[in-house]
Amino acid sequence: MRRPRKPDTDAAEADERTVRTAALALLAGRDFGRAELARRLERRGYPAEVVAAVVEGLVAERLLSETRFVEQFIRQRAGRGHGPVRIRAELRERAVPDAEVEAGLEAAAVDWAAAARELRRRRFGASPPSDYSERARQARFLQYRGFTAEQTRAALGPGEDIDDP
């Protein structure tokens, strides 16, 4: 667990240039959503008004893009075997607007049922579940990873229907 960073003593009097430098340093590591970047900067002790102005400036300069962040986030999480339900929840935790999330999931054009089948095959092997308890265990795993009940059923193949375990 990370310790909260101690606010800089001069952070309260920080000008826009200082906050912009800190923001660019964060963006050099990875993309951020607007709210997440603002929250990070405010945790460092920078005034909210200055942070808001800097974030708006970065958006205007296209150095900070919610759409780019969402696309990168979805691509990364889908590559790790996460489904649309879990990805949507993680983006909401990062205060990304629902419209951006839905547009990003649609633009990703991922075949989620195929992704669930591949994840199930990698985790449990090529043969389908042999009995009800094994089928339920695999269904729980896929739903934990963020796949819908329909995608889970498609991944498990024909057999007894299992409603949400």
Protein backbone atom coordinates (compact mmCIF):
# COMPACT_ATOMS: atom_id res chain seq x y z
CA MET A 1 0.00 0.00 0.00
CA ARG A 2 1.36 3.38 -0.96
CA ARG A 3 1.77 6.10 1.60
CA PRO A 4 -0.03 9.34 0.78
CA ARG A 5 2.39 11.83 -0.62
CA LYS A 6 3.16 14.72 1.70
CA PRO A 7 1.96 17.98 0.12
CA ASP A 8 4.71 20.30 -1.01
CA THR A 9 5.01 23.39 1.15
CA ASP A 10 5.08 25.65 -1.90
CA ALA A 11 2.32 23.75 -3.70
CA ALA A 12 -0.40 26.00 -2.32
CA GLU A 13 1.23 28.99 -4.02
CA ALA A 14 1.98 27.08 -7.21
CA ASP A 15 1.53 28.89 -10.46
CA GLU A 16 0.15 27.34 -13.63
CA ARG A 17 3.61 26.62 -15.01
CA THR A 18 4.55 24.51 -12.00
CA VAL A 19 1.29 22.57 -12.10
CA ARG A 20 1.61 22.10 -15.87
CA THR A 21 5.14 20.70 -15.41
CA ALA A 22 3.85 18.26 -12.79
CA ALA A 23 0.96 17.25 -15.06
CA LEU A 24 3.25 16.67 -18.03
CA ALA A 25 5.56 14.58 -15.86
CA LEU A 26 2.59 12.37 -14.95
CA LEU A 27 1.43 12.19 -18.58
CA ALA A 28 4.91 11.15 -19.68
CA GLY A 29 4.39 7.87 -17.84
CA ARG A 30 0.92 7.00 -19.16
CA ASP A 31 -2.38 8.49 -20.29
CA PHE A 32 -4.84 9.69 -17.69
CA GLY A 33 -8.48 10.67 -17.71
CA ARG A 34 -9.27 14.29 -16.86
CA ALA A 35 -10.67 13.58 -13.41
CA GLU A 36 -7.89 11.15 -12.50
CA LEU A 37 -5.16 13.61 -13.50
CA ALA A 38 -6.85 16.44 -11.60
CA ARG A 39 -7.21 14.24 -8.51
CA ARG A 40 -3.53 13.26 -8.66
CA LEU A 41 -2.41 16.88 -8.90
CA GLU A 42 -4.71 17.98 -6.09
CA ARG A 43 -3.36 15.18 -3.88
CA ARG A 44 0.07 16.71 -4.37
CA GLY A 45 -1.29 19.86 -2.78
CA TYR A 46 -1.87 22.06 -5.82
CA PRO A 47 -4.89 24.40 -5.66
CA ALA A 48 -8.02 23.04 -7.37
CA GLU A 49 -8.57 26.22 -9.40
CA VAL A 50 -5.07 26.12 -10.87
CA VAL A 51 -5.34 22.38 -11.53
CA ALA A 52 -8.66 22.85 -13.35
CA ALA A 53 -7.17 25.58 -15.54
CA VAL A 54 -4.11 23.48 -16.38
CA VAL A 55 -6.22 20.41 -17.19
CA GLU A 56 -8.43 22.46 -19.51
CA GLY A 57 -5.33 23.86 -21.20
CA LEU A 58 -3.90 20.38 -21.73
CA VAL A 59 -7.20 19.23 -23.23
CA ALA A 60 -7.24 22.25 -25.56
CA GLU A 61 -3.69 21.42 -26.68
CA ARG A 62 -4.71 17.77 -27.16
CA LEU A 63 -2.02 16.61 -24.76
CA LEU A 64 -4.76 15.12 -22.59
CA SER A 65 -7.52 13.16 -24.30
CA GLU A 66 -10.28 11.27 -22.54
CA THR A 67 -10.98 9.32 -25.75
CA ARG A 68 -7.35 8.27 -26.15
CA PHE A 69 -7.21 7.23 -22.50
CA VAL A 70 -10.38 5.13 -22.81
CA GLU A 71 -9.17 3.41 -26.00
CA GLN A 72 -5.80 2.58 -24.46
CA PHE A 73 -7.41 1.41 -21.20
CA ILE A 74 -9.88 -0.89 -23.00
CA ARG A 75 -7.17 -2.34 -25.24
CA GLN A 76 -4.94 -3.05 -22.24
CA ARG A 77 -7.63 -4.60 -20.05
CA ALA A 78 -9.13 -6.67 -22.88
CA GLY A 79 -5.62 -7.99 -23.56
CA ARG A 80 -5.42 -9.13 -19.94
CA GLY A 81 -8.64 -11.10 -20.31
CA HIS A 82 -11.06 -8.67 -18.70
CA GLY A 83 -14.62 -8.39 -19.99
CA PRO A 84 -16.75 -5.34 -20.76
CA VAL A 85 -18.56 -5.29 -17.42
CA ARG A 86 -15.35 -5.08 -15.42
CA ILE A 87 -13.74 -2.57 -17.81
CA ARG A 88 -16.83 -0.36 -17.61
CA ALA A 89 -16.74 -0.47 -13.78
CA GLU A 90 -13.02 0.38 -13.65
CA LEU A 91 -13.50 3.35 -15.97
CA ARG A 92 -16.41 4.60 -13.86
CA GLU A 93 -14.15 4.40 -10.79
CA ARG A 94 -11.81 6.74 -12.67
CA ALA A 95 -14.71 9.18 -13.22
CA VAL A 96 -14.79 8.74 -17.00
CA PRO A 97 -18.16 9.88 -18.41
CA ASP A 98 -20.48 7.02 -19.40
CA ALA A 99 -20.79 8.32 -22.96
CA GLU A 100 -16.99 8.06 -23.40
CA VAL A 101 -16.97 4.56 -21.91
CA GLU A 102 -19.74 3.28 -24.17
CA ALA A 103 -18.20 4.90 -27.25
CA GLY A 104 -14.83 3.35 -26.40
CA LEU A 105 -16.27 -0.13 -25.87
CA GLU A 106 -18.13 0.11 -29.18
CA ALA A 107 -15.08 1.45 -31.02
CA ALA A 108 -12.92 -1.36 -29.64
CA ALA A 109 -14.93 -3.82 -31.73
CA VAL A 110 -13.88 -6.74 -29.54
CA ASP A 111 -15.73 -10.04 -29.94
CA TRP A 112 -16.32 -10.45 -26.21
CA ALA A 113 -17.78 -13.96 -26.55
CA ALA A 114 -14.66 -15.10 -28.41
CA ALA A 115 -12.48 -13.41 -25.79
CA ALA A 116 -14.37 -15.27 -23.04
CA ARG A 117 -13.96 -18.58 -24.91
CA GLU A 118 -10.22 -18.01 -25.31
CA LEU A 119 -9.80 -17.06 -21.64
CA ARG A 120 -11.76 -20.15 -20.57
CA ARG A 121 -9.63 -22.35 -22.84
CA ARG A 122 -6.35 -20.87 -21.51
CA ARG A 123 -7.42 -21.18 -17.89
CA PHE A 124 -9.24 -24.53 -17.88
CA GLY A 125 -8.09 -26.37 -21.02
CA ALA A 126 -9.70 -27.23 -24.34
CA SER A 127 -12.30 -29.72 -23.11
CA PRO A 128 -15.65 -28.31 -21.97
CA PRO A 129 -16.68 -28.60 -18.32
CA SER A 130 -17.63 -32.18 -17.51
CA ASP A 131 -20.23 -31.64 -14.80
CA TYR A 132 -22.47 -29.01 -13.30
CA SER A 133 -20.12 -27.97 -10.47
CA GLU A 134 -17.18 -27.50 -12.85
CA ARG A 135 -19.39 -25.54 -15.24
CA ALA A 136 -20.52 -23.31 -12.36
CA ARG A 137 -16.92 -22.77 -11.24
CA GLN A 138 -15.85 -21.72 -14.72
CA ALA A 139 -18.92 -19.47 -15.06
CA ARG A 140 -18.07 -17.72 -11.78
CA PHE A 141 -14.51 -17.15 -12.98
CA LEU A 142 -15.64 -15.62 -16.27
CA GLN A 143 -18.22 -13.40 -14.58
CA TYR A 144 -15.62 -12.24 -12.05
CA ARG A 145 -13.41 -11.27 -14.99
CA GLY A 146 -16.24 -9.08 -16.28
CA PHE A 147 -18.08 -11.08 -18.90
CA THR A 148 -21.86 -11.01 -19.14
CA ALA A 149 -24.00 -14.09 -18.55
CA GLU A 150 -24.59 -14.38 -22.30
CA GLN A 151 -20.86 -14.22 -23.07
CA THR A 152 -20.20 -16.74 -20.31
CA ARG A 153 -22.76 -19.18 -21.74
CA ALA A 154 -21.18 -18.78 -25.18
CA ALA A 155 -17.74 -19.53 -23.72
CA LEU A 156 -18.89 -22.63 -21.85
CA GLY A 157 -20.53 -24.16 -24.91
CA PRO A 158 -23.64 -26.30 -25.05
CA GLY A 159 -24.80 -27.84 -21.85
CA GLU A 160 -27.07 -27.16 -18.94
CA ASP A 161 -27.87 -23.48 -18.60
CA ILE A 162 -26.46 -21.88 -15.51
CA ASP A 163 -27.99 -18.63 -14.45
CA ASP A 164 -25.79 -16.15 -12.64
CA PRO A 165 -24.12 -18.27 -9.92
